């Protein structure tokens, strides 16, 4: 039987169990648990997944407990920061990273429309400024509002590039980001 892993913190694990018990019949829940291995993470846990070593870390979220991760992809330090702005207590972990993902809910000039800060999110400008100060080389902005259609990528890139010295990447859903093999 094929099994798959779900890596999550204890809060997410309990939420999955709770929601499942409300919406699924017991026989289906049992079938899911027969093929699923839940790996409940703790801060700084390390796991090899598909040939890549991941270190998971608590992002010190203001809202719901969240974990990010750090790994090495093709000799590039890659850091995923979860769904809140970077907590300054994690600056040393991020400093000089090759690629960092950071949410950027809206353009700075539209914060008064989308209220990113009230929702524990950032604007493109605030994320780009913060990560520029940490000498990040490539900033991947995601979790964006979608009111700009096909102009979103251009507008977000321009605003970020105004304060960020490295590369700004604003991917579309399902877009594949290629990492250079050699640095």
N, C-alpha and C. Protein backbone atom coordinates (compact mmCIF):
# COMPACT_ATOMS: atom_id res chain seq x y z
N UNK A 1 0.84 -1.19 0.00
CA UNK A 1 0.00 0.00 0.00
C UNK A 1 0.89 1.25 0.00
N UNK A 2 0.55 2.21 -0.83
CA UNK A 2 1.27 3.47 -0.90
C UNK A 2 0.81 4.36 0.24
N UNK A 3 1.77 4.93 0.95
CA UNK A 3 1.47 5.88 2.02
C UNK A 3 2.09 7.22 1.65
N UNK A 4 1.49 8.28 2.12
CA UNK A 4 2.10 9.59 1.91
C UNK A 4 2.15 10.33 3.22
N UNK A 5 3.07 11.28 3.29
CA UNK A 5 3.30 12.06 4.50
C UNK A 5 2.67 13.43 4.39
N UNK A 6 2.10 13.88 5.49
CA UNK A 6 1.68 15.26 5.64
C UNK A 6 2.48 15.82 6.80
N UNK A 7 3.29 16.84 6.51
CA UNK A 7 4.11 17.48 7.53
C UNK A 7 3.36 18.71 8.02
N UNK A 8 3.11 18.77 9.32
CA UNK A 8 2.34 19.89 9.87
C UNK A 8 2.64 20.04 11.35
N UNK A 9 2.30 21.19 11.90
CA UNK A 9 2.48 21.37 13.34
C UNK A 9 1.27 20.79 14.07
N UNK A 10 1.33 20.79 15.38
CA UNK A 10 0.28 20.18 16.19
C UNK A 10 -1.07 20.87 16.03
N UNK A 11 -1.08 22.17 15.83
CA UNK A 11 -2.34 22.90 15.67
C UNK A 11 -3.03 22.48 14.37
N UNK A 12 -2.28 22.38 13.30
CA UNK A 12 -2.84 21.96 12.02
C UNK A 12 -3.31 20.51 12.10
N UNK A 13 -2.52 19.67 12.74
CA UNK A 13 -2.90 18.26 12.88
C UNK A 13 -4.25 18.13 13.61
N UNK A 14 -4.40 18.84 14.69
CA UNK A 14 -5.65 18.78 15.45
C UNK A 14 -6.82 19.35 14.64
N UNK A 15 -6.55 20.38 13.85
CA UNK A 15 -7.60 20.95 12.99
C UNK A 15 -8.04 19.94 11.93
N UNK A 16 -7.09 19.26 11.33
CA UNK A 16 -7.42 18.25 10.33
C UNK A 16 -8.28 17.15 10.95
N UNK A 17 -7.88 16.68 12.11
CA UNK A 17 -8.66 15.63 12.79
C UNK A 17 -10.07 16.13 13.13
N UNK A 18 -10.15 17.35 13.65
CA UNK A 18 -11.44 17.90 14.06
C UNK A 18 -12.38 18.11 12.89
N UNK A 19 -11.89 18.73 11.82
CA UNK A 19 -12.74 18.98 10.65
C UNK A 19 -13.15 17.65 10.03
N UNK A 20 -12.21 16.73 9.92
CA UNK A 20 -12.52 15.41 9.33
C UNK A 20 -13.65 14.73 10.07
N UNK A 21 -13.62 14.79 11.39
CA UNK A 21 -14.65 14.09 12.18
C UNK A 21 -16.04 14.71 12.00
N UNK A 22 -16.07 15.98 11.60
CA UNK A 22 -17.36 16.64 11.38
C UNK A 22 -17.92 16.42 9.98
N UNK A 23 -17.05 16.25 9.00
CA UNK A 23 -17.54 16.23 7.62
C UNK A 23 -17.42 14.88 6.92
N UNK A 24 -16.68 13.94 7.49
CA UNK A 24 -16.48 12.66 6.82
C UNK A 24 -17.02 11.51 7.66
N UNK A 25 -17.53 10.48 7.02
CA UNK A 25 -17.97 9.30 7.76
C UNK A 25 -16.76 8.54 8.31
N UNK A 26 -16.91 7.85 9.43
CA UNK A 26 -15.79 7.13 10.05
C UNK A 26 -15.05 6.18 9.12
N UNK A 27 -15.76 5.50 8.22
CA UNK A 27 -15.08 4.56 7.32
C UNK A 27 -14.13 5.30 6.36
N UNK A 28 -14.52 6.48 5.92
CA UNK A 28 -13.64 7.25 5.04
C UNK A 28 -12.45 7.80 5.82
N UNK A 29 -12.68 8.26 7.02
CA UNK A 29 -11.58 8.74 7.86
C UNK A 29 -10.57 7.62 8.07
N UNK A 30 -11.06 6.44 8.38
CA UNK A 30 -10.16 5.29 8.59
C UNK A 30 -9.36 4.98 7.32
N UNK A 31 -10.01 5.04 6.17
CA UNK A 31 -9.32 4.78 4.90
C UNK A 31 -8.23 5.83 4.66
N UNK A 32 -8.52 7.07 4.97
CA UNK A 32 -7.53 8.14 4.79
C UNK A 32 -6.34 7.91 5.72
N UNK A 33 -6.60 7.58 6.96
CA UNK A 33 -5.52 7.37 7.93
C UNK A 33 -4.71 6.11 7.60
N UNK A 34 -5.30 5.18 6.88
CA UNK A 34 -4.56 3.98 6.47
C UNK A 34 -3.45 4.31 5.47
N UNK A 35 -3.62 5.38 4.69
CA UNK A 35 -2.63 5.72 3.67
C UNK A 35 -1.87 7.00 3.98
N UNK A 36 -2.14 7.61 5.13
CA UNK A 36 -1.54 8.89 5.47
C UNK A 36 -0.71 8.78 6.73
N UNK A 37 0.48 9.29 6.66
CA UNK A 37 1.35 9.38 7.83
C UNK A 37 1.47 10.87 8.19
N UNK A 38 0.92 11.26 9.32
CA UNK A 38 1.03 12.64 9.77
C UNK A 38 2.33 12.79 10.54
N UNK A 39 3.19 13.69 10.09
CA UNK A 39 4.44 14.00 10.77
C UNK A 39 4.24 15.33 11.48
N UNK A 40 4.07 15.28 12.79
CA UNK A 40 3.81 16.48 13.58
C UNK A 40 5.17 17.12 13.90
N UNK A 41 5.35 18.33 13.40
CA UNK A 41 6.63 19.03 13.48
C UNK A 41 6.81 19.80 14.78
N UNK A 42 8.07 19.89 15.17
CA UNK A 42 8.50 20.78 16.23
C UNK A 42 9.52 21.74 15.63
N UNK A 43 9.74 22.84 16.29
CA UNK A 43 10.68 23.85 15.82
C UNK A 43 12.06 23.21 15.60
N UNK A 44 12.63 23.47 14.43
CA UNK A 44 13.97 23.01 14.02
C UNK A 44 14.05 21.53 13.69
N UNK A 45 12.93 20.85 13.52
CA UNK A 45 12.95 19.46 13.05
C UNK A 45 13.51 19.42 11.65
N UNK A 46 14.27 18.35 11.36
CA UNK A 46 14.87 18.16 10.04
C UNK A 46 14.39 16.84 9.46
N UNK A 47 14.00 16.89 8.18
CA UNK A 47 13.54 15.69 7.48
C UNK A 47 14.03 15.71 6.04
N UNK A 48 14.52 14.56 5.56
CA UNK A 48 14.80 14.45 4.12
C UNK A 48 13.50 14.10 3.39
N UNK A 49 13.18 14.86 2.36
CA UNK A 49 11.95 14.63 1.59
C UNK A 49 12.34 14.67 0.11
N UNK A 50 12.12 13.57 -0.56
CA UNK A 50 12.44 13.48 -1.99
C UNK A 50 13.85 13.96 -2.32
N UNK A 51 14.80 13.56 -1.50
CA UNK A 51 16.20 13.87 -1.77
C UNK A 51 16.66 15.25 -1.35
N UNK A 52 15.80 16.01 -0.70
CA UNK A 52 16.16 17.36 -0.22
C UNK A 52 16.00 17.38 1.29
N UNK A 53 17.00 17.91 1.99
CA UNK A 53 16.94 18.04 3.45
C UNK A 53 16.24 19.34 3.82
N UNK A 54 15.16 19.22 4.57
CA UNK A 54 14.37 20.36 5.02
C UNK A 54 14.56 20.56 6.51
N UNK A 55 14.68 21.82 6.92
CA UNK A 55 14.61 22.17 8.33
C UNK A 55 13.37 23.03 8.51
N UNK A 56 12.46 22.59 9.34
CA UNK A 56 11.22 23.31 9.60
C UNK A 56 11.41 24.20 10.82
N UNK A 57 10.79 25.38 10.79
CA UNK A 57 10.93 26.29 11.91
C UNK A 57 9.63 27.05 12.15
N UNK A 58 9.40 27.38 13.39
CA UNK A 58 8.25 28.18 13.80
C UNK A 58 8.48 29.60 13.29
N UNK A 59 7.54 30.15 12.54
CA UNK A 59 7.72 31.51 12.00
C UNK A 59 7.35 32.58 13.04
N UNK A 60 6.96 32.14 14.24
CA UNK A 60 6.61 33.06 15.32
C UNK A 60 5.47 33.99 14.90
N UNK A 61 4.46 33.38 14.33
CA UNK A 61 3.31 34.11 13.80
C UNK A 61 2.53 34.81 14.90
N UNK A 62 1.95 35.93 14.56
CA UNK A 62 1.05 36.64 15.47
C UNK A 62 -0.29 35.94 15.56
N UNK A 63 -0.68 35.30 14.47
CA UNK A 63 -1.96 34.60 14.41
C UNK A 63 -1.76 33.12 14.73
N UNK A 64 -2.36 32.28 13.91
CA UNK A 64 -2.28 30.83 14.10
C UNK A 64 -0.84 30.35 13.95
N UNK A 65 -0.46 29.39 14.77
CA UNK A 65 0.88 28.81 14.72
C UNK A 65 1.18 28.32 13.30
N UNK A 66 2.35 28.70 12.79
CA UNK A 66 2.76 28.32 11.44
C UNK A 66 4.23 27.95 11.42
N UNK A 67 4.57 27.07 10.51
CA UNK A 67 5.97 26.71 10.30
C UNK A 67 6.36 27.08 8.88
N UNK A 68 7.60 27.48 8.74
CA UNK A 68 8.22 27.66 7.45
C UNK A 68 9.28 26.58 7.31
N UNK A 69 10.08 26.68 6.28
CA UNK A 69 11.18 25.73 6.14
C UNK A 69 12.33 26.36 5.39
N UNK A 70 13.48 25.72 5.56
CA UNK A 70 14.70 26.10 4.86
C UNK A 70 15.25 24.84 4.23
N UNK A 71 15.75 24.96 3.00
CA UNK A 71 16.37 23.82 2.34
C UNK A 71 17.39 24.34 1.32
N UNK A 72 18.11 23.40 0.74
CA UNK A 72 19.09 23.73 -0.28
C UNK A 72 18.64 23.08 -1.58
N UNK A 73 18.41 23.90 -2.61
CA UNK A 73 17.99 23.40 -3.92
C UNK A 73 19.05 23.84 -4.93
N UNK A 74 19.72 22.88 -5.53
CA UNK A 74 20.75 23.17 -6.53
C UNK A 74 21.75 24.23 -6.02
N UNK A 75 22.24 24.02 -4.80
CA UNK A 75 23.22 24.92 -4.18
C UNK A 75 22.67 26.32 -3.90
N UNK A 76 21.37 26.44 -3.77
CA UNK A 76 20.73 27.71 -3.43
C UNK A 76 19.99 27.55 -2.11
N UNK A 77 20.26 28.46 -1.17
CA UNK A 77 19.51 28.45 0.09
C UNK A 77 18.12 29.01 -0.20
N UNK A 78 17.11 28.18 0.04
CA UNK A 78 15.72 28.53 -0.21
C UNK A 78 14.98 28.54 1.11
N UNK A 79 14.24 29.62 1.39
CA UNK A 79 13.49 29.74 2.63
C UNK A 79 12.04 30.09 2.32
N UNK A 80 11.13 29.31 2.89
CA UNK A 80 9.69 29.57 2.79
C UNK A 80 9.25 30.11 4.14
N UNK A 81 8.61 31.28 4.14
CA UNK A 81 8.29 31.97 5.39
C UNK A 81 6.84 31.87 5.87
N UNK A 82 6.03 31.06 5.24
CA UNK A 82 4.66 30.96 5.72
C UNK A 82 3.79 32.10 5.23
N UNK A 83 2.77 32.41 6.01
CA UNK A 83 1.71 33.32 5.56
C UNK A 83 1.58 34.56 6.42
N UNK A 84 2.69 35.05 6.95
CA UNK A 84 2.72 36.31 7.69
C UNK A 84 4.04 37.00 7.37
N UNK A 85 4.11 38.30 7.66
CA UNK A 85 5.39 38.99 7.46
C UNK A 85 6.50 38.37 8.30
N UNK A 86 7.71 38.49 7.81
CA UNK A 86 8.88 37.98 8.52
C UNK A 86 8.96 38.57 9.93
N UNK A 87 9.06 37.70 10.92
CA UNK A 87 9.28 38.14 12.30
C UNK A 87 10.76 38.51 12.42
N UNK A 88 11.08 39.71 12.93
CA UNK A 88 12.49 40.13 13.03
C UNK A 88 13.38 39.16 13.82
N UNK A 89 12.80 38.35 14.70
CA UNK A 89 13.60 37.37 15.43
C UNK A 89 14.17 36.29 14.52
N UNK A 90 13.69 36.22 13.28
CA UNK A 90 14.19 35.24 12.32
C UNK A 90 15.15 35.84 11.29
N UNK A 91 15.52 37.10 11.46
CA UNK A 91 16.36 37.77 10.48
C UNK A 91 17.66 37.03 10.19
N UNK A 92 18.31 36.51 11.21
CA UNK A 92 19.59 35.82 10.99
C UNK A 92 19.41 34.56 10.14
N UNK A 93 18.31 33.90 10.27
CA UNK A 93 18.03 32.70 9.47
C UNK A 93 17.90 33.08 7.99
N UNK A 94 17.35 34.26 7.72
CA UNK A 94 17.03 34.68 6.36
C UNK A 94 18.21 35.38 5.69
N UNK A 95 19.03 36.03 6.47
CA UNK A 95 20.12 36.87 5.94
C UNK A 95 20.93 36.12 4.87
N UNK A 96 21.15 36.80 3.74
CA UNK A 96 21.96 36.31 2.62
C UNK A 96 21.37 35.09 1.90
N UNK A 97 20.12 34.79 2.11
CA UNK A 97 19.51 33.64 1.42
C UNK A 97 19.46 33.91 -0.08
N UNK A 98 19.51 32.83 -0.85
CA UNK A 98 19.43 32.96 -2.30
C UNK A 98 18.00 33.22 -2.77
N UNK A 99 17.05 32.49 -2.19
CA UNK A 99 15.63 32.64 -2.54
C UNK A 99 14.80 32.64 -1.26
N UNK A 100 13.92 33.61 -1.14
CA UNK A 100 13.00 33.67 -0.01
C UNK A 100 11.60 33.93 -0.54
N UNK A 101 10.65 33.14 -0.08
CA UNK A 101 9.25 33.41 -0.39
C UNK A 101 8.67 34.25 0.73
N UNK A 102 7.93 35.26 0.36
CA UNK A 102 7.31 36.14 1.35
C UNK A 102 5.95 36.57 0.81
N UNK A 103 4.94 36.50 1.66
CA UNK A 103 3.63 36.96 1.22
C UNK A 103 3.68 38.47 1.02
N UNK A 104 2.89 38.95 0.07
CA UNK A 104 2.77 40.39 -0.19
C UNK A 104 1.35 40.60 -0.68
N UNK A 105 0.48 40.90 0.25
CA UNK A 105 -0.95 40.88 -0.03
C UNK A 105 -1.39 41.91 -1.07
N UNK A 106 -0.76 43.09 -1.05
CA UNK A 106 -1.21 44.13 -1.97
C UNK A 106 -0.09 45.14 -2.20
N UNK A 107 -0.32 46.01 -3.16
CA UNK A 107 0.59 47.14 -3.39
C UNK A 107 0.50 48.09 -2.20
N UNK A 108 1.57 48.77 -1.91
CA UNK A 108 1.59 49.67 -0.77
C UNK A 108 0.53 50.75 -0.88
N UNK A 109 0.35 51.30 -2.08
CA UNK A 109 -0.63 52.38 -2.25
C UNK A 109 -2.07 51.89 -2.09
N UNK A 110 -2.28 50.58 -2.05
CA UNK A 110 -3.62 50.01 -1.90
C UNK A 110 -3.85 49.36 -0.53
N UNK A 111 -2.93 49.61 0.39
CA UNK A 111 -3.08 49.04 1.73
C UNK A 111 -4.37 49.53 2.37
N UNK A 112 -4.75 50.78 2.13
CA UNK A 112 -5.98 51.33 2.72
C UNK A 112 -7.23 50.67 2.14
N UNK A 113 -7.11 49.99 1.01
CA UNK A 113 -8.24 49.26 0.41
C UNK A 113 -8.28 47.82 0.95
N UNK A 114 -7.12 47.16 0.96
CA UNK A 114 -7.06 45.73 1.29
C UNK A 114 -6.70 45.44 2.74
N UNK A 115 -6.20 46.43 3.47
CA UNK A 115 -5.91 46.30 4.90
C UNK A 115 -5.00 45.12 5.21
N UNK A 116 -3.89 45.05 4.51
CA UNK A 116 -2.94 43.96 4.69
C UNK A 116 -2.46 43.86 6.13
N UNK A 117 -2.11 44.97 6.73
CA UNK A 117 -1.54 44.95 8.08
C UNK A 117 -2.53 44.44 9.11
N UNK A 118 -3.80 44.79 8.95
CA UNK A 118 -4.84 44.31 9.87
C UNK A 118 -4.98 42.79 9.80
N UNK A 119 -4.61 42.21 8.67
CA UNK A 119 -4.76 40.77 8.44
C UNK A 119 -3.44 40.02 8.65
N UNK A 120 -2.49 40.65 9.34
CA UNK A 120 -1.16 40.06 9.56
C UNK A 120 -0.47 39.73 8.24
N UNK A 121 -0.57 40.65 7.29
CA UNK A 121 0.11 40.51 6.01
C UNK A 121 0.93 41.76 5.76
N UNK A 122 1.63 41.76 4.64
CA UNK A 122 2.47 42.90 4.29
C UNK A 122 2.08 43.44 2.93
N UNK A 123 2.66 44.56 2.58
CA UNK A 123 2.53 45.07 1.23
C UNK A 123 3.80 44.67 0.47
N UNK A 124 3.75 44.81 -0.82
CA UNK A 124 4.93 44.52 -1.64
C UNK A 124 6.11 45.36 -1.15
N UNK A 125 5.88 46.65 -0.97
CA UNK A 125 6.95 47.56 -0.58
C UNK A 125 7.56 47.18 0.77
N UNK A 126 6.73 46.88 1.75
CA UNK A 126 7.27 46.55 3.08
C UNK A 126 8.05 45.24 3.05
N UNK A 127 7.56 44.25 2.33
CA UNK A 127 8.28 42.97 2.23
C UNK A 127 9.62 43.17 1.52
N UNK A 128 9.61 43.90 0.41
CA UNK A 128 10.83 44.11 -0.37
C UNK A 128 11.87 44.90 0.43
N UNK A 129 11.44 45.92 1.17
CA UNK A 129 12.37 46.69 1.99
C UNK A 129 13.03 45.81 3.04
N UNK A 130 12.22 45.04 3.74
CA UNK A 130 12.74 44.19 4.80
C UNK A 130 13.76 43.18 4.26
N UNK A 131 13.42 42.52 3.17
CA UNK A 131 14.31 41.48 2.67
C UNK A 131 15.53 42.06 1.95
N UNK A 132 15.43 43.27 1.45
CA UNK A 132 16.60 43.93 0.88
C UNK A 132 17.62 44.20 1.98
N UNK A 133 17.15 44.63 3.15
CA UNK A 133 18.05 44.89 4.28
C UNK A 133 18.77 43.63 4.74
N UNK A 134 18.22 42.46 4.42
CA UNK A 134 18.83 41.19 4.81
C UNK A 134 19.66 40.58 3.68
N UNK A 135 19.86 41.35 2.62
CA UNK A 135 20.70 40.91 1.48
C UNK A 135 20.21 39.62 0.83
N UNK A 136 18.90 39.46 0.75
CA UNK A 136 18.32 38.33 0.02
C UNK A 136 18.53 38.59 -1.47
N UNK A 137 18.87 37.55 -2.20
CA UNK A 137 19.19 37.72 -3.62
C UNK A 137 17.96 37.67 -4.51
N UNK A 138 17.02 36.79 -4.21
CA UNK A 138 15.81 36.62 -5.02
C UNK A 138 14.62 36.56 -4.09
N UNK A 139 13.65 37.41 -4.33
CA UNK A 139 12.45 37.49 -3.49
C UNK A 139 11.25 37.01 -4.30
N UNK A 140 10.61 35.97 -3.82
CA UNK A 140 9.42 35.42 -4.46
C UNK A 140 8.21 35.92 -3.68
N UNK A 141 7.39 36.73 -4.32
CA UNK A 141 6.21 37.30 -3.67
C UNK A 141 4.98 36.50 -4.06
N UNK A 142 4.21 36.10 -3.06
CA UNK A 142 3.02 35.30 -3.31
C UNK A 142 1.93 35.71 -2.32
N UNK A 143 0.79 35.05 -2.38
CA UNK A 143 -0.38 35.35 -1.55
C UNK A 143 -0.83 36.78 -1.79
N UNK A 144 -1.07 37.07 -3.05
CA UNK A 144 -1.42 38.42 -3.46
C UNK A 144 -2.91 38.52 -3.79
N UNK A 145 -3.45 39.70 -3.60
CA UNK A 145 -4.83 39.92 -4.04
C UNK A 145 -4.82 39.91 -5.57
N UNK A 146 -5.97 39.71 -6.16
CA UNK A 146 -6.02 39.46 -7.60
C UNK A 146 -6.83 40.49 -8.39
N UNK A 147 -6.83 41.73 -7.96
CA UNK A 147 -7.66 42.73 -8.66
C UNK A 147 -7.01 43.32 -9.91
N UNK A 148 -5.74 43.02 -10.15
CA UNK A 148 -5.03 43.64 -11.27
C UNK A 148 -4.93 42.76 -12.51
N UNK A 149 -5.48 41.58 -12.46
CA UNK A 149 -5.47 40.70 -13.62
C UNK A 149 -4.08 40.47 -14.17
N UNK A 150 -3.93 40.60 -15.47
CA UNK A 150 -2.65 40.32 -16.13
C UNK A 150 -1.58 41.37 -15.81
N UNK A 151 -1.94 42.49 -15.18
CA UNK A 151 -0.96 43.51 -14.80
C UNK A 151 -0.34 43.27 -13.43
N UNK A 152 -0.86 42.31 -12.67
CA UNK A 152 -0.39 42.06 -11.30
C UNK A 152 1.12 41.83 -11.25
N UNK A 153 1.62 40.94 -12.06
CA UNK A 153 3.03 40.59 -12.04
C UNK A 153 3.89 41.84 -12.30
N UNK A 154 3.54 42.63 -13.30
CA UNK A 154 4.28 43.83 -13.65
C UNK A 154 4.23 44.86 -12.51
N UNK A 155 3.04 45.12 -11.99
CA UNK A 155 2.88 46.13 -10.93
C UNK A 155 3.61 45.73 -9.64
N UNK A 156 3.48 44.48 -9.25
CA UNK A 156 4.13 44.02 -8.03
C UNK A 156 5.65 44.02 -8.19
N UNK A 157 6.12 43.60 -9.36
CA UNK A 157 7.56 43.59 -9.62
C UNK A 157 8.12 45.01 -9.58
N UNK A 158 7.45 45.94 -10.23
CA UNK A 158 7.93 47.34 -10.25
C UNK A 158 7.99 47.92 -8.84
N UNK A 159 6.93 47.72 -8.05
CA UNK A 159 6.95 48.28 -6.70
C UNK A 159 8.06 47.65 -5.87
N UNK A 160 8.20 46.34 -5.94
CA UNK A 160 9.26 45.67 -5.18
C UNK A 160 10.64 46.10 -5.63
N UNK A 161 10.84 46.18 -6.95
CA UNK A 161 12.15 46.52 -7.49
C UNK A 161 12.57 47.94 -7.13
N UNK A 162 11.62 48.80 -6.76
CA UNK A 162 11.97 50.17 -6.38
C UNK A 162 12.78 50.23 -5.09
N UNK A 163 12.75 49.17 -4.28
CA UNK A 163 13.49 49.17 -3.00
C UNK A 163 14.29 47.89 -2.80
N UNK A 164 14.28 46.99 -3.77
CA UNK A 164 14.96 45.70 -3.62
C UNK A 164 16.05 45.58 -4.67
N UNK A 165 17.27 45.28 -4.23
CA UNK A 165 18.42 45.23 -5.13
C UNK A 165 18.52 43.92 -5.92
N UNK A 166 17.91 42.86 -5.44
CA UNK A 166 17.99 41.57 -6.12
C UNK A 166 16.88 41.41 -7.14
N UNK A 167 16.52 40.17 -7.41
CA UNK A 167 15.45 39.86 -8.36
C UNK A 167 14.13 39.70 -7.63
N UNK A 168 13.09 40.22 -8.22
CA UNK A 168 11.72 40.03 -7.71
C UNK A 168 11.04 39.03 -8.64
N UNK A 169 10.43 38.02 -8.04
CA UNK A 169 9.68 37.02 -8.81
C UNK A 169 8.25 37.02 -8.28
N UNK A 170 7.29 37.23 -9.17
CA UNK A 170 5.88 37.22 -8.80
C UNK A 170 5.22 36.13 -9.66
N UNK A 171 5.21 34.91 -9.17
CA UNK A 171 4.71 33.81 -10.00
C UNK A 171 3.19 33.79 -10.12
N UNK A 172 2.74 33.26 -11.24
CA UNK A 172 1.33 32.95 -11.42
C UNK A 172 1.08 31.59 -10.79
N UNK A 173 -0.17 31.27 -10.51
CA UNK A 173 -0.51 29.95 -9.98
C UNK A 173 0.06 28.87 -10.90
N UNK A 174 0.67 27.87 -10.30
CA UNK A 174 1.25 26.70 -10.98
C UNK A 174 2.48 27.01 -11.83
N UNK A 175 2.96 28.24 -11.80
CA UNK A 175 4.18 28.57 -12.54
C UNK A 175 5.37 27.88 -11.89
N UNK A 176 6.28 27.34 -12.68
CA UNK A 176 7.49 26.69 -12.19
C UNK A 176 8.62 27.71 -12.19
N UNK A 177 9.30 27.83 -11.07
CA UNK A 177 10.45 28.74 -10.94
C UNK A 177 11.71 27.89 -11.09
N UNK A 178 12.54 28.23 -12.03
CA UNK A 178 13.79 27.50 -12.28
C UNK A 178 14.92 28.11 -11.46
N UNK A 179 15.63 27.26 -10.74
CA UNK A 179 16.80 27.70 -10.00
C UNK A 179 18.03 27.44 -10.85
N UNK A 180 18.97 28.38 -10.89
CA UNK A 180 20.19 28.13 -11.65
C UNK A 180 20.98 26.99 -11.02
N UNK A 181 21.57 26.14 -11.85
CA UNK A 181 22.36 25.00 -11.34
C UNK A 181 23.65 25.48 -10.70
N UNK A 182 24.26 26.49 -11.25
CA UNK A 182 25.52 27.02 -10.72
C UNK A 182 25.33 28.46 -10.30
N UNK A 183 26.02 28.82 -9.23
CA UNK A 183 25.95 30.21 -8.78
C UNK A 183 27.20 30.94 -9.17
